[in-house]
Amino acid sequence: MGGHRLFAVLPRRPVERITFLLLLLSLIGAAIVLFRILTAQAASWPLRSVGVAALLVLSGWWLRGYRARRLPATLLPLEALAIVIVSAPLGGPLNVLGFMILSLGFRSVYGRRLTGLLPTVTYLLALAGGSLLAPFYAAPSAGSYQLFQTAGLAIGAITWLVADSLRRQEDVLERQQMLTQAGAQLVAAGTREAIIEAGLAGVRAQLPGRQARIVAAGDPALASDAPRLPLVGHGGVQAILLLDGLEPRRSSERQPLEALCTLIALRLETRDQAQARQHSAETRAERLAELNELKDELLDSVSHELRSPLTSIRAYSELLLTYQDAAVQREFLEIINSESERLARLVSDVLDLTHIQSGSFVWNMAPVDVPALLRDAGRIYRPLLAREGLELDLGVEDGLPAVQADRDRLLQVLGNLLHNALKFTIRGSVGLAAYHAGQEVHIAVSDSGVGVSPAERERIFDKFHQAGRAPQGKTPGTGLGLAICRQIVEHHGGRVWVAAAPRGGSVFTVALPALAADLAERPGLTAVEQTACA
């Protein structure tokens, strides 16, 4: 138990324990030398008094240095002189060789790098030079100086090597502890500013007295000649560490600093990744909320829109069972067929709109020849218009550039607009034209129908909104055609709007970004040429 208590009193660090034990041995040796001086009969009292004074001064100097943890090497000559004076009453330095060996061991602990050999060299010179003062000794030396007798002074070099090795290990351990502490602070930091501040605190702990800052890779401060270390993570350089003064060159300083730079870079990188994941999660959550809202809206609207054709089909089916007149039966069957077609269009439009807004729609983007697109649309809808007694006027500007688009979806847009014109036009004609406007290609569908009031020109592109009832004899729409047109056009980076036609009716215009000039030369119809689509 007593041994454990004594061990607990000792300093914790190995180098400090060695220093304490060597100081204790040196003081014990000094006490023995003091006793020998006081009992030396051959020495005069003044000489013994001088020796005792020198021994006390030397011991006090060692105690003061131990408390201050510093003994300057510049005072080693004075210490050697004090030892020579202490040895004078006893016959010279050789007679206090044991004391010199103990004190040299203590004194060498304070040496850093090559300066740790200075005490050994100084003590050897003191031992060798002591022979020059032999006439002043009170008694002759116990013997002549021999080389093997000075081998004990090698304790100084051995102590220095051991202490220096332990000190290096302690420095490495201390830097590792600082690195661990800095890592914990980096992990605890939440914002980018807090991470940088924690990293700079770790740098200042490893390089006391040095100023440092962390800047971005393109910061103007990098134009200076200040030492710099890149903060490199898995994704490359995250920032740059700038230091004042000279760049650390010793591996014991540079390696922990580089490790800290890596920790800072990785923490910045993980924080950015976490922020990106959080943003992505929030975006997905918002998107899911929008889709859920869209689902509720569609269910509410579709349930209402489905009720009308289903009610008509059921009602006329029941009436059909009670009428035997062939003409009446045919009329009812035509109504049922018309409502069935309307129901099919509604289901198809709902599916298209849902796929587009959910992002699951597959787009086949490629350069599209606009004149050829309009000719195909005219070929499809000319017979439908002719059946209603309407004409199709087709005009395309010469040299019209191509557009990057999904051709089938643009054809669907033109089909919806032409079907809308057909539904609201009783007599006259429907126009389909394309022309170049700045960096865009404009496709216009005009009619001579009832027109759209200014208050309704924006709302008609909303889902299930219809500006008015279709004229008598015309099949009512689903209220989704124009909403699908806007979704498709906006996906292509374009715009769609409606305006009043100069001679009555409406003009629906689709604006799409034109391709480069090298794709601009396209064969087409003139703006005034009316082409029959065969």
Protein backbone atom coordinates (compact mmCIF):
# COMPACT_ATOMS: atom_id res chain seq x y z
CA MET A 1 0.00 0.00 0.00
CA GLY A 2 2.87 2.39 0.84
CA GLY A 3 4.47 1.70 -2.57
CA HIS A 4 1.23 2.59 -4.32
CA ARG A 5 0.98 5.85 -2.37
CA LEU A 6 4.56 6.75 -3.30
CA PHE A 7 3.85 5.90 -6.93
CA ALA A 8 0.78 8.12 -6.86
CA VAL A 9 2.88 11.06 -5.65
CA LEU A 10 5.21 10.77 -8.64
CA PRO A 11 4.43 12.75 -11.80
CA ARG A 12 2.34 10.92 -14.37
CA ARG A 13 4.41 11.57 -17.48
CA PRO A 14 7.38 9.18 -17.92
CA VAL A 15 9.95 11.93 -18.60
CA GLU A 16 8.83 13.88 -15.53
CA ARG A 17 9.12 10.72 -13.40
CA ILE A 18 12.67 10.10 -14.61
CA THR A 19 13.53 13.76 -13.97
CA PHE A 20 12.11 13.59 -10.45
CA LEU A 21 13.97 10.37 -9.58
CA LEU A 22 17.28 11.67 -10.98
CA LEU A 23 16.84 14.93 -9.05
CA LEU A 24 16.19 12.94 -5.90
CA LEU A 25 19.33 10.83 -6.47
CA SER A 26 21.35 13.96 -7.22
CA LEU A 27 20.19 15.59 -3.98
CA ILE A 28 21.03 12.39 -2.06
CA GLY A 29 24.46 12.44 -3.70
CA ALA A 30 24.80 16.12 -2.75
CA ALA A 31 23.95 15.27 0.86
CA ILE A 32 26.65 12.58 0.89
CA VAL A 33 29.19 15.01 -0.62
CA LEU A 34 28.13 17.62 1.95
CA PHE A 35 28.79 15.15 4.77
CA ARG A 36 32.20 14.29 3.30
CA ILE A 37 33.15 17.96 2.99
CA LEU A 38 32.17 18.70 6.57
CA THR A 39 34.24 15.75 7.82
CA ALA A 40 37.26 16.38 5.55
CA GLN A 41 40.07 16.99 8.10
CA ALA A 42 42.69 17.75 5.45
CA ALA A 43 40.82 20.74 4.06
CA SER A 44 40.87 24.12 5.66
CA TRP A 45 37.70 25.61 7.03
CA PRO A 46 37.52 28.40 4.39
CA LEU A 47 37.92 25.86 1.58
CA ARG A 48 35.25 23.64 3.08
CA SER A 49 32.97 26.67 3.51
CA VAL A 50 33.40 27.60 -0.14
CA GLY A 51 32.70 24.00 -1.19
CA VAL A 52 29.55 23.82 0.98
CA ALA A 53 28.31 27.15 -0.44
CA ALA A 54 28.92 26.01 -4.01
CA LEU A 55 27.09 22.73 -3.30
CA LEU A 56 24.09 24.51 -1.81
CA VAL A 57 23.93 26.99 -4.70
CA LEU A 58 24.14 24.14 -7.21
CA SER A 59 21.40 22.17 -5.44
CA GLY A 60 19.16 25.25 -5.19
CA TRP A 61 19.69 25.96 -8.87
CA TRP A 62 18.62 22.42 -9.75
CA LEU A 63 15.48 22.65 -7.58
CA ARG A 64 14.55 25.97 -9.15
CA GLY A 65 15.05 24.56 -12.66
CA TYR A 66 12.95 21.49 -11.82
CA ARG A 67 10.03 23.65 -10.69
CA ALA A 68 10.37 25.84 -13.77
CA ARG A 69 10.85 22.76 -16.00
CA ARG A 70 13.77 24.51 -17.64
CA LEU A 71 17.54 24.58 -17.15
CA PRO A 72 19.34 26.75 -19.75
CA ALA A 73 22.35 25.14 -21.42
CA THR A 74 24.16 28.51 -21.36
CA LEU A 75 24.80 28.12 -17.62
CA LEU A 76 26.47 24.70 -17.95
CA PRO A 77 30.02 26.20 -17.62
CA LEU A 78 29.04 27.77 -14.29
CA GLU A 79 27.63 24.43 -13.09
CA ALA A 80 30.91 22.70 -14.08
CA LEU A 81 32.88 25.35 -12.19
CA ALA A 82 30.65 24.83 -9.14
CA ILE A 83 31.33 21.07 -9.23
CA VAL A 84 35.08 21.71 -9.41
CA ILE A 85 34.80 24.03 -6.39
CA VAL A 86 32.72 21.45 -4.51
CA SER A 87 35.35 18.80 -5.22
CA ALA A 88 38.29 20.98 -4.07
CA PRO A 89 38.02 20.06 -0.32
CA LEU A 90 37.89 16.36 -1.26
CA GLY A 91 40.87 16.27 -3.62
CA GLY A 92 39.40 17.03 -7.03
CA PRO A 93 36.54 16.01 -9.36
CA LEU A 94 37.61 12.40 -9.50
CA ASN A 95 36.76 12.01 -5.82
CA VAL A 96 33.16 13.14 -6.48
CA LEU A 97 32.76 11.13 -9.69
CA GLY A 98 29.65 9.33 -8.41
CA PHE A 99 27.99 12.63 -7.59
CA MET A 100 28.92 13.95 -11.04
CA ILE A 101 27.42 10.87 -12.71
CA LEU A 102 24.11 11.32 -10.83
CA SER A 103 23.91 15.05 -11.46
CA LEU A 104 24.86 14.57 -15.12
CA GLY A 105 21.97 12.15 -15.56
CA PHE A 106 19.58 14.72 -14.07
CA ARG A 107 21.08 17.58 -16.05
CA SER A 108 20.91 15.71 -19.42
CA VAL A 109 17.15 15.23 -19.18
CA TYR A 110 16.66 18.89 -20.03
CA GLY A 111 18.56 18.65 -23.30
CA ARG A 112 16.60 18.88 -26.52
CA ARG A 113 17.97 17.07 -29.55
CA LEU A 114 21.77 17.58 -29.89
CA THR A 115 21.88 20.04 -27.01
CA GLY A 116 21.30 17.03 -24.77
CA LEU A 117 24.97 16.08 -25.28
CA LEU A 118 26.28 19.44 -23.97
CA PRO A 119 26.11 18.40 -20.25
CA THR A 120 28.20 15.28 -20.98
CA VAL A 121 30.82 17.29 -22.88
CA THR A 122 30.91 19.97 -20.17
CA TYR A 123 31.28 17.46 -17.34
CA LEU A 124 34.07 15.66 -19.21
CA LEU A 125 35.91 18.95 -19.62
CA ALA A 126 35.40 19.69 -15.92
CA LEU A 127 36.77 16.28 -14.99
CA ALA A 128 39.74 16.60 -17.33
CA GLY A 129 40.49 20.20 -16.39
CA GLY A 130 40.38 19.39 -12.68
CA SER A 131 43.92 18.09 -12.87
CA LEU A 132 45.14 21.62 -13.64
CA LEU A 133 43.92 22.76 -10.22
CA ALA A 134 45.60 19.94 -8.28
CA PRO A 135 47.99 22.31 -6.38
CA PHE A 136 45.02 24.06 -4.82
CA TYR A 137 43.35 20.92 -3.49
CA ALA A 138 43.50 20.27 0.24
CA ALA A 139 44.46 16.64 -0.36
CA PRO A 140 45.85 14.85 -3.37
CA SER A 141 43.48 12.92 -5.58
CA ALA A 142 42.80 9.36 -4.62
CA GLY A 143 44.49 8.29 -7.83
CA SER A 144 45.43 9.33 -11.31
CA TYR A 145 42.79 9.82 -13.94
CA GLN A 146 42.01 6.67 -15.96
CA LEU A 147 39.86 6.44 -19.11
CA PHE A 148 37.69 3.64 -17.78
CA GLN A 149 36.82 5.73 -14.74
CA THR A 150 35.13 8.35 -16.93
CA ALA A 151 32.91 5.74 -18.62
CA GLY A 152 30.31 6.40 -15.95
CA LEU A 153 29.73 9.82 -17.49
CA ALA A 154 28.11 8.02 -20.43
CA ILE A 155 25.05 8.04 -18.21
CA GLY A 156 24.46 11.57 -19.53
CA ALA A 157 24.20 10.46 -23.16
CA ILE A 158 22.10 7.44 -22.20
CA THR A 159 19.72 9.55 -20.12
CA TRP A 160 19.45 12.09 -22.91
CA LEU A 161 18.61 9.40 -25.48
CA VAL A 162 16.02 7.78 -23.23
CA ALA A 163 14.45 11.09 -22.24
CA ASP A 164 14.43 12.38 -25.80
CA SER A 165 12.80 9.17 -27.05
CA LEU A 166 10.18 9.29 -24.31
CA ARG A 167 9.58 12.96 -24.99
CA ARG A 168 9.01 12.27 -28.68
CA GLN A 169 6.56 9.52 -27.81
CA GLU A 170 4.78 11.84 -25.42
CA ASP A 171 4.57 14.50 -28.14
CA VAL A 172 3.10 11.97 -30.56
CA LEU A 173 0.61 10.77 -27.93
CA GLU A 174 -0.32 14.34 -27.03
CA ARG A 175 -0.87 15.24 -30.69
CA GLN A 176 -2.98 12.11 -31.13
CA GLN A 177 -5.06 13.12 -28.14
CA MET A 178 -5.45 16.62 -29.57
CA LEU A 179 -6.40 15.06 -32.90
CA THR A 180 -9.00 12.86 -31.19
CA GLN A 181 -10.40 15.85 -29.31
CA ALA A 182 -10.51 17.91 -32.51
CA GLY A 183 -12.30 15.04 -34.26
CA ALA A 184 -14.92 14.91 -31.51
CA GLN A 185 -15.45 18.68 -31.79
CA LEU A 186 -15.76 18.39 -35.58
CA VAL A 187 -18.40 15.68 -35.24
CA ALA A 188 -20.32 17.78 -32.71
CA ALA A 189 -20.27 20.84 -34.99
CA GLY A 190 -23.46 21.19 -37.02
CA THR A 191 -22.98 24.14 -39.37
CA ARG A 192 -20.20 24.75 -41.85
CA GLU A 193 -19.01 27.75 -39.81
CA ALA A 194 -18.88 25.66 -36.63
CA ILE A 195 -16.91 22.93 -38.42
CA ILE A 196 -14.35 25.45 -39.67
CA GLU A 197 -14.04 27.02 -36.21
CA ALA A 198 -13.55 23.59 -34.57
CA GLY A 199 -10.93 22.74 -37.20
CA LEU A 200 -9.03 25.99 -36.61
CA ALA A 201 -9.12 25.35 -32.84
CA GLY A 202 -7.49 21.97 -33.50
CA VAL A 203 -4.81 23.61 -35.68
CA ARG A 204 -4.03 26.21 -33.01
CA ALA A 205 -3.75 23.45 -30.40
CA GLN A 206 -1.18 21.61 -32.54
CA LEU A 207 0.70 24.78 -33.52
CA PRO A 208 0.61 27.08 -30.47
CA GLY A 209 1.13 30.72 -31.29
CA ARG A 210 0.45 30.26 -35.00
CA GLN A 211 -2.41 31.97 -36.82
CA ALA A 212 -4.46 29.98 -39.32
CA ARG A 213 -7.56 30.32 -41.44
CA ILE A 214 -9.56 28.16 -43.82
CA VAL A 215 -10.57 29.61 -47.19
CA ALA A 216 -12.34 28.36 -50.29
CA ALA A 217 -10.33 26.97 -53.21
CA GLY A 218 -10.83 30.13 -55.28
CA ASP A 219 -10.28 32.67 -52.49
CA PRO A 220 -8.09 35.71 -53.41
CA ALA A 221 -6.01 35.09 -50.26
CA LEU A 222 -4.39 32.14 -52.07
CA ALA A 223 -2.39 34.64 -54.11
CA SER A 224 -0.12 35.22 -51.06
CA ASP A 225 2.99 33.18 -50.26
CA ALA A 226 1.57 31.88 -46.98
CA PRO A 227 2.08 28.14 -46.33
CA ARG A 228 -1.02 26.15 -47.27
CA LEU A 229 -2.38 22.69 -46.86
CA PRO A 230 -5.29 21.40 -48.97
CA LEU A 231 -8.30 19.90 -47.19
CA VAL A 232 -8.85 16.85 -49.40
CA GLY A 233 -11.87 14.56 -48.98
CA HIS A 234 -13.24 11.72 -51.06
CA GLY A 235 -14.72 14.17 -53.51
CA GLY A 236 -11.59 16.32 -53.95
CA VAL A 237 -10.38 19.58 -52.38
CA GLN A 238 -12.99 21.03 -50.01
CA ALA A 239 -11.02 24.09 -48.83
CA ILE A 240 -7.47 25.36 -48.16
CA LEU A 241 -5.74 25.84 -44.77
CA LEU A 242 -3.50 28.95 -44.71
CA LEU A 243 -0.80 29.32 -42.01
CA ASP A 244 1.32 32.27 -41.01
CA GLY A 245 5.08 31.88 -40.67
CA LEU A 246 6.98 28.87 -41.97
CA GLU A 247 5.38 25.63 -43.04
CA PRO A 248 5.89 22.77 -40.51
CA ARG A 249 8.66 20.51 -41.79
CA ARG A 250 9.12 18.00 -38.98
CA SER A 251 7.10 14.86 -39.50
CA SER A 252 6.00 14.93 -35.86
CA GLU A 253 4.22 18.23 -36.57
CA ARG A 254 3.25 17.81 -40.22
CA GLN A 255 1.67 14.33 -40.08
CA PRO A 256 -0.87 15.14 -37.32
CA LEU A 257 -1.65 18.42 -39.07
CA GLU A 258 -2.28 16.64 -42.37
CA ALA A 259 -4.47 14.11 -40.54
CA LEU A 260 -6.44 16.99 -39.00
CA CYS A 261 -6.83 18.57 -42.45
CA THR A 262 -8.24 15.26 -43.72
CA LEU A 263 -10.68 15.13 -40.80
CA ILE A 264 -11.85 18.68 -41.51
CA ALA A 265 -12.30 17.90 -45.22
CA LEU A 266 -14.24 14.71 -44.52
CA ARG A 267 -16.46 16.49 -41.99
CA LEU A 268 -17.19 19.30 -44.45
CA GLU A 269 -17.90 16.72 -47.12
CA THR A 270 -20.22 14.63 -44.94
CA ARG A 271 -22.03 17.79 -43.82
CA ASP A 272 -22.59 18.84 -47.46
CA GLN A 273 -23.74 15.31 -48.31
CA ALA A 274 -26.08 15.23 -45.34
CA GLN A 275 -27.46 18.62 -46.32
CA ALA A 276 -27.94 17.40 -49.90
CA ARG A 277 -29.70 14.25 -48.65
CA GLN A 278 -31.91 16.36 -46.39
CA HIS A 279 -32.75 18.70 -49.25
CA SER A 280 -33.47 15.69 -51.48
CA ALA A 281 -35.68 14.17 -48.79
CA GLU A 282 -37.53 17.45 -48.32
CA THR A 283 -37.96 17.75 -52.07
CA ARG A 284 -39.30 14.21 -52.27
CA ALA A 285 -41.62 14.90 -49.37
CA GLU A 286 -42.92 18.04 -51.05
CA ARG A 287 -43.30 16.13 -54.30
CA LEU A 288 -45.19 13.34 -52.56
CA ALA A 289 -47.40 15.92 -50.88
CA GLU A 290 -48.09 17.52 -54.27
CA LEU A 291 -48.83 14.11 -55.80
CA ASN A 292 -51.11 13.25 -52.91
CA GLU A 293 -52.91 16.56 -53.35
CA LEU A 294 -53.10 15.89 -57.08
CA LYS A 295 -54.51 12.44 -56.39
CA ASP A 296 -57.21 13.86 -54.12
CA GLU A 297 -58.01 16.56 -56.64
CA LEU A 298 -58.19 14.11 -59.51
CA LEU A 299 -60.33 11.67 -57.56
CA ASP A 300 -62.71 14.45 -56.62
CA SER A 301 -62.87 15.87 -60.15
CA VAL A 302 -62.84 12.57 -62.02
CA SER A 303 -65.60 11.11 -59.87
CA HIS A 304 -67.74 14.09 -60.82
CA GLU A 305 -66.80 13.98 -64.51
CA LEU A 306 -67.32 10.23 -64.75
CA ARG A 307 -70.79 10.46 -63.25
CA SER A 308 -72.24 12.39 -66.20
CA PRO A 309 -71.38 9.99 -69.09
CA LEU A 310 -72.02 6.93 -66.94
CA THR A 311 -75.44 8.30 -65.96
CA SER A 312 -76.26 8.98 -69.62
CA ILE A 313 -75.13 5.51 -70.71
CA ARG A 314 -77.17 3.85 -68.01
CA ALA A 315 -80.27 5.95 -68.59
CA TYR A 316 -80.34 5.48 -72.36
CA SER A 317 -79.54 1.78 -71.97
CA GLU A 318 -82.62 1.37 -69.75
CA LEU A 319 -84.75 3.39 -72.18
CA LEU A 320 -83.46 1.33 -75.07
CA LEU A 321 -84.98 -1.78 -73.50
CA THR A 322 -88.47 -0.21 -73.50
CA TYR A 323 -88.56 1.24 -77.05
CA GLN A 324 -89.20 -0.94 -80.07
CA ASP A 325 -88.94 1.85 -82.66
CA ALA A 326 -85.77 1.27 -84.74
CA ALA A 327 -85.19 4.99 -85.29
CA VAL A 328 -85.41 5.74 -81.57
CA GLN A 329 -83.18 2.79 -80.75
CA ARG A 330 -80.58 4.05 -83.23
CA GLU A 331 -80.68 7.54 -81.69
CA PHE A 332 -80.18 6.09 -78.21
CA LEU A 333 -77.31 3.89 -79.41
CA GLU A 334 -75.59 6.92 -80.97
CA ILE A 335 -75.89 8.79 -77.67
CA ILE A 336 -74.49 5.78 -75.77
CA ASN A 337 -71.60 5.52 -78.26
CA SER A 338 -70.85 9.25 -77.96
CA GLU A 339 -70.85 9.11 -74.16
CA SER A 340 -68.64 6.00 -74.25
CA GLU A 341 -66.13 7.82 -76.45
CA ARG A 342 -66.21 10.77 -74.07
CA LEU A 343 -65.64 8.42 -71.13
CA ALA A 344 -62.68 6.79 -72.90
CA ARG A 345 -61.16 10.21 -73.66
CA LEU A 346 -61.57 11.23 -70.06
CA VAL A 347 -59.79 8.12 -68.77
CA SER A 348 -57.01 8.56 -71.34
CA ASP A 349 -56.54 12.25 -70.47
CA VAL A 350 -56.49 11.53 -66.74
CA LEU A 351 -53.81 8.87 -67.22
CA ASP A 352 -51.69 11.16 -69.41
CA LEU A 353 -51.94 14.08 -67.00
CA THR A 354 -51.14 11.88 -63.99
CA HIS A 355 -48.07 10.39 -65.69
CA ILE A 356 -46.79 13.81 -66.75
CA GLN A 357 -47.19 15.42 -63.32
CA SER A 358 -45.74 12.41 -61.48
CA GLY A 359 -42.62 12.44 -63.64
CA SER A 360 -43.14 8.87 -64.88
CA PHE A 361 -43.93 9.91 -68.45
CA VAL A 362 -41.36 8.69 -71.02
CA TRP A 363 -40.17 11.41 -73.38
CA ASN A 364 -38.49 10.65 -76.73
CA MET A 365 -36.64 13.87 -77.43
CA ALA A 366 -35.22 14.46 -80.93
CA PRO A 367 -35.06 17.25 -83.53
CA VAL A 368 -38.57 17.71 -84.99
CA ASP A 369 -39.29 19.07 -88.46
CA VAL A 370 -42.14 21.52 -87.74
CA PRO A 371 -43.53 21.77 -91.34
CA ALA A 372 -43.73 17.97 -91.57
CA LEU A 373 -45.40 17.89 -88.15
CA LEU A 374 -48.08 20.35 -89.27
CA ARG A 375 -48.68 18.44 -92.51
CA ASP A 376 -49.27 15.23 -90.51
CA ALA A 377 -51.67 17.02 -88.14
CA GLY A 378 -53.53 18.48 -91.13
CA ARG A 379 -53.77 15.09 -92.80
CA ILE A 380 -55.36 13.62 -89.65
CA TYR A 381 -57.84 16.41 -88.84
CA ARG A 382 -58.83 17.67 -92.31
CA PRO A 383 -61.47 14.89 -92.76
CA LEU A 384 -62.90 15.54 -89.28
CA LEU A 385 -63.21 19.24 -90.00
CA ALA A 386 -64.70 18.61 -93.44
CA ARG A 387 -67.37 16.38 -91.89
CA GLU A 388 -68.47 19.40 -89.81
CA GLY A 389 -68.42 21.68 -92.86
CA LEU A 390 -65.19 23.45 -91.81
CA GLU A 391 -62.03 24.13 -93.82
CA LEU A 392 -58.42 23.79 -92.68
CA ASP A 393 -56.02 26.59 -93.64
CA LEU A 394 -52.40 25.43 -93.32
CA GLY A 395 -49.46 27.83 -93.58
CA VAL A 396 -45.77 27.45 -92.69
CA GLU A 397 -43.02 30.05 -93.00
CA ASP A 398 -40.07 29.20 -95.28
CA GLY A 399 -36.76 28.22 -93.65
CA LEU A 400 -38.36 27.37 -90.35
CA PRO A 401 -35.83 25.91 -87.81
CA ALA A 402 -36.42 22.60 -86.11
CA VAL A 403 -37.26 22.17 -82.43
CA GLN A 404 -35.98 19.62 -79.89
CA ALA A 405 -39.10 17.75 -78.77
CA ASP A 406 -41.07 14.55 -78.49
CA ARG A 407 -42.84 14.45 -81.86
CA ASP A 408 -45.77 12.30 -80.71
CA ARG A 409 -46.45 14.59 -77.76
CA LEU A 410 -46.38 17.71 -79.97
CA LEU A 411 -48.79 15.96 -82.31
CA GLN A 412 -50.99 15.32 -79.25
CA VAL A 413 -50.87 19.04 -78.40
CA LEU A 414 -51.90 20.02 -81.94
CA GLY A 415 -54.64 17.40 -81.84
CA ASN A 416 -56.06 18.78 -78.60
CA LEU A 417 -56.00 22.35 -79.92
CA LEU A 418 -57.59 21.37 -83.26
CA HIS A 419 -60.22 19.28 -81.46
CA ASN A 420 -60.94 22.27 -79.21
CA ALA A 421 -61.31 24.53 -82.30
CA LEU A 422 -63.59 21.96 -83.93
CA LYS A 423 -65.79 21.82 -80.82
CA PHE A 424 -66.41 25.59 -80.61
CA THR A 425 -66.58 26.49 -84.34
CA ILE A 426 -69.93 26.22 -86.11
CA ARG A 427 -69.01 27.65 -89.52
CA GLY A 428 -65.98 29.10 -91.21
CA SER A 429 -62.49 27.67 -91.03
CA VAL A 430 -59.70 26.53 -88.66
CA GLY A 431 -56.14 27.77 -89.22
CA LEU A 432 -52.88 25.93 -88.50
CA ALA A 433 -49.71 28.01 -89.01
CA ALA A 434 -46.06 28.09 -87.92
CA TYR A 435 -43.52 30.91 -88.07
CA HIS A 436 -40.14 31.98 -86.65
CA ALA A 437 -40.16 34.57 -83.81
CA GLY A 438 -36.73 35.47 -82.42
CA GLN A 439 -35.24 32.39 -80.76
CA GLU A 440 -38.57 30.55 -80.84
CA VAL A 441 -40.84 28.74 -83.24
CA HIS A 442 -44.53 29.67 -82.85
CA ILE A 443 -47.32 27.30 -83.84
CA ALA A 444 -50.78 28.89 -83.97
CA VAL A 445 -54.21 27.23 -84.10
CA SER A 446 -56.95 29.74 -84.91
CA ASP A 447 -60.71 29.37 -85.27
CA SER A 448 -63.74 31.49 -86.11
CA GLY A 449 -65.77 30.21 -83.18
CA VAL A 450 -67.29 31.86 -80.12
CA GLY A 451 -63.92 33.01 -78.70
CA VAL A 452 -62.66 33.13 -75.11
CA SER A 453 -63.34 36.06 -72.78
CA PRO A 454 -60.30 37.83 -71.28
CA ALA A 455 -61.25 36.64 -67.78
CA GLU A 456 -61.13 33.01 -68.90
CA ARG A 457 -57.94 33.06 -71.00
CA GLU A 458 -55.74 31.85 -68.15
CA ARG A 459 -58.21 29.68 -66.30
CA ILE A 460 -59.04 27.49 -69.29
CA PHE A 461 -55.63 25.80 -68.89
CA ASP A 462 -56.60 24.58 -65.41
CA LYS A 463 -57.68 20.98 -64.95
CA PHE A 464 -61.40 20.32 -65.49
CA HIS A 465 -62.13 23.96 -66.23
CA GLN A 466 -64.22 24.75 -69.29
CA ALA A 467 -64.91 28.31 -70.43
CA GLY A 468 -68.40 27.53 -71.65
CA ARG A 469 -70.74 24.88 -72.89
CA ALA A 470 -70.13 23.40 -76.31
CA PRO A 471 -72.58 24.54 -79.01
CA GLN A 472 -75.59 22.34 -79.60
CA GLY A 473 -74.71 19.25 -81.54
CA LYS A 474 -71.05 19.32 -80.45
CA THR A 475 -69.58 16.64 -78.18
CA PRO A 476 -68.57 18.15 -74.79
CA GLY A 477 -64.93 17.88 -73.80
CA THR A 478 -63.27 16.46 -70.68
CA GLY A 479 -61.79 19.71 -69.36
CA LEU A 480 -58.29 18.19 -69.45
CA GLY A 481 -57.13 18.75 -73.02
CA LEU A 482 -55.73 22.27 -72.53
CA ALA A 483 -54.21 21.34 -69.15
CA ILE A 484 -52.34 18.48 -70.87
CA CYS A 485 -51.22 20.88 -73.63
CA ARG A 486 -49.69 23.25 -71.08
CA GLN A 487 -47.91 20.44 -69.20
CA ILE A 488 -46.38 19.07 -72.42
CA VAL A 489 -45.35 22.47 -73.76
CA GLU A 490 -43.79 23.58 -70.46
CA HIS A 491 -41.82 20.32 -70.27
CA HIS A 492 -40.25 21.34 -73.59
CA GLY A 493 -39.30 24.73 -72.17
CA GLY A 494 -42.05 26.48 -74.08
CA ARG A 495 -45.21 28.54 -73.51
CA VAL A 496 -48.83 28.35 -74.58
CA TRP A 497 -51.48 31.06 -74.46
CA VAL A 498 -54.74 32.14 -76.05
CA ALA A 499 -55.71 35.48 -77.60
CA ALA A 500 -58.61 36.87 -79.61
CA ALA A 501 -58.47 36.35 -83.36
CA PRO A 502 -58.62 39.54 -85.49
CA ARG A 503 -61.85 38.46 -87.24
CA GLY A 504 -63.45 36.77 -84.22
CA GLY A 505 -62.77 33.51 -82.54
CA SER A 506 -59.57 32.52 -80.75
CA VAL A 507 -55.88 31.94 -81.51
CA PHE A 508 -54.00 29.37 -79.40
CA THR A 509 -50.20 29.85 -79.75
CA VAL A 510 -47.48 27.40 -78.75
CA ALA A 511 -43.93 28.83 -78.47
CA LEU A 512 -41.00 26.39 -78.47
CA PRO A 513 -37.21 27.08 -78.34
CA ALA A 514 -35.65 26.80 -81.82
CA LEU A 515 -32.60 24.66 -82.49
CA ALA A 516 -29.26 26.05 -83.72
CA ALA A 517 -28.98 27.90 -87.03
CA ASP A 518 -27.40 24.92 -88.76
CA LEU A 519 -30.78 23.12 -88.41
CA ALA A 520 -32.77 26.11 -89.59
CA GLU A 521 -33.01 25.27 -93.30
CA ARG A 522 -36.21 23.24 -93.52
CA PRO A 523 -38.48 22.78 -96.51
CA GLY A 524 -41.98 24.08 -95.86
CA LEU A 525 -44.96 26.00 -97.06
CA THR A 526 -45.17 29.73 -97.38
CA ALA A 527 -47.27 31.71 -94.96
CA VAL A 528 -49.90 32.40 -97.64
CA GLU A 529 -49.84 29.07 -99.36
CA GLN A 530 -52.83 26.90 -98.68
CA THR A 531 -51.86 23.28 -98.99
CA ALA A 532 -54.17 20.36 -99.28
CA CYS A 533 -53.03 17.48 -97.11
CA ALA A 534 -53.33 14.45 -99.26
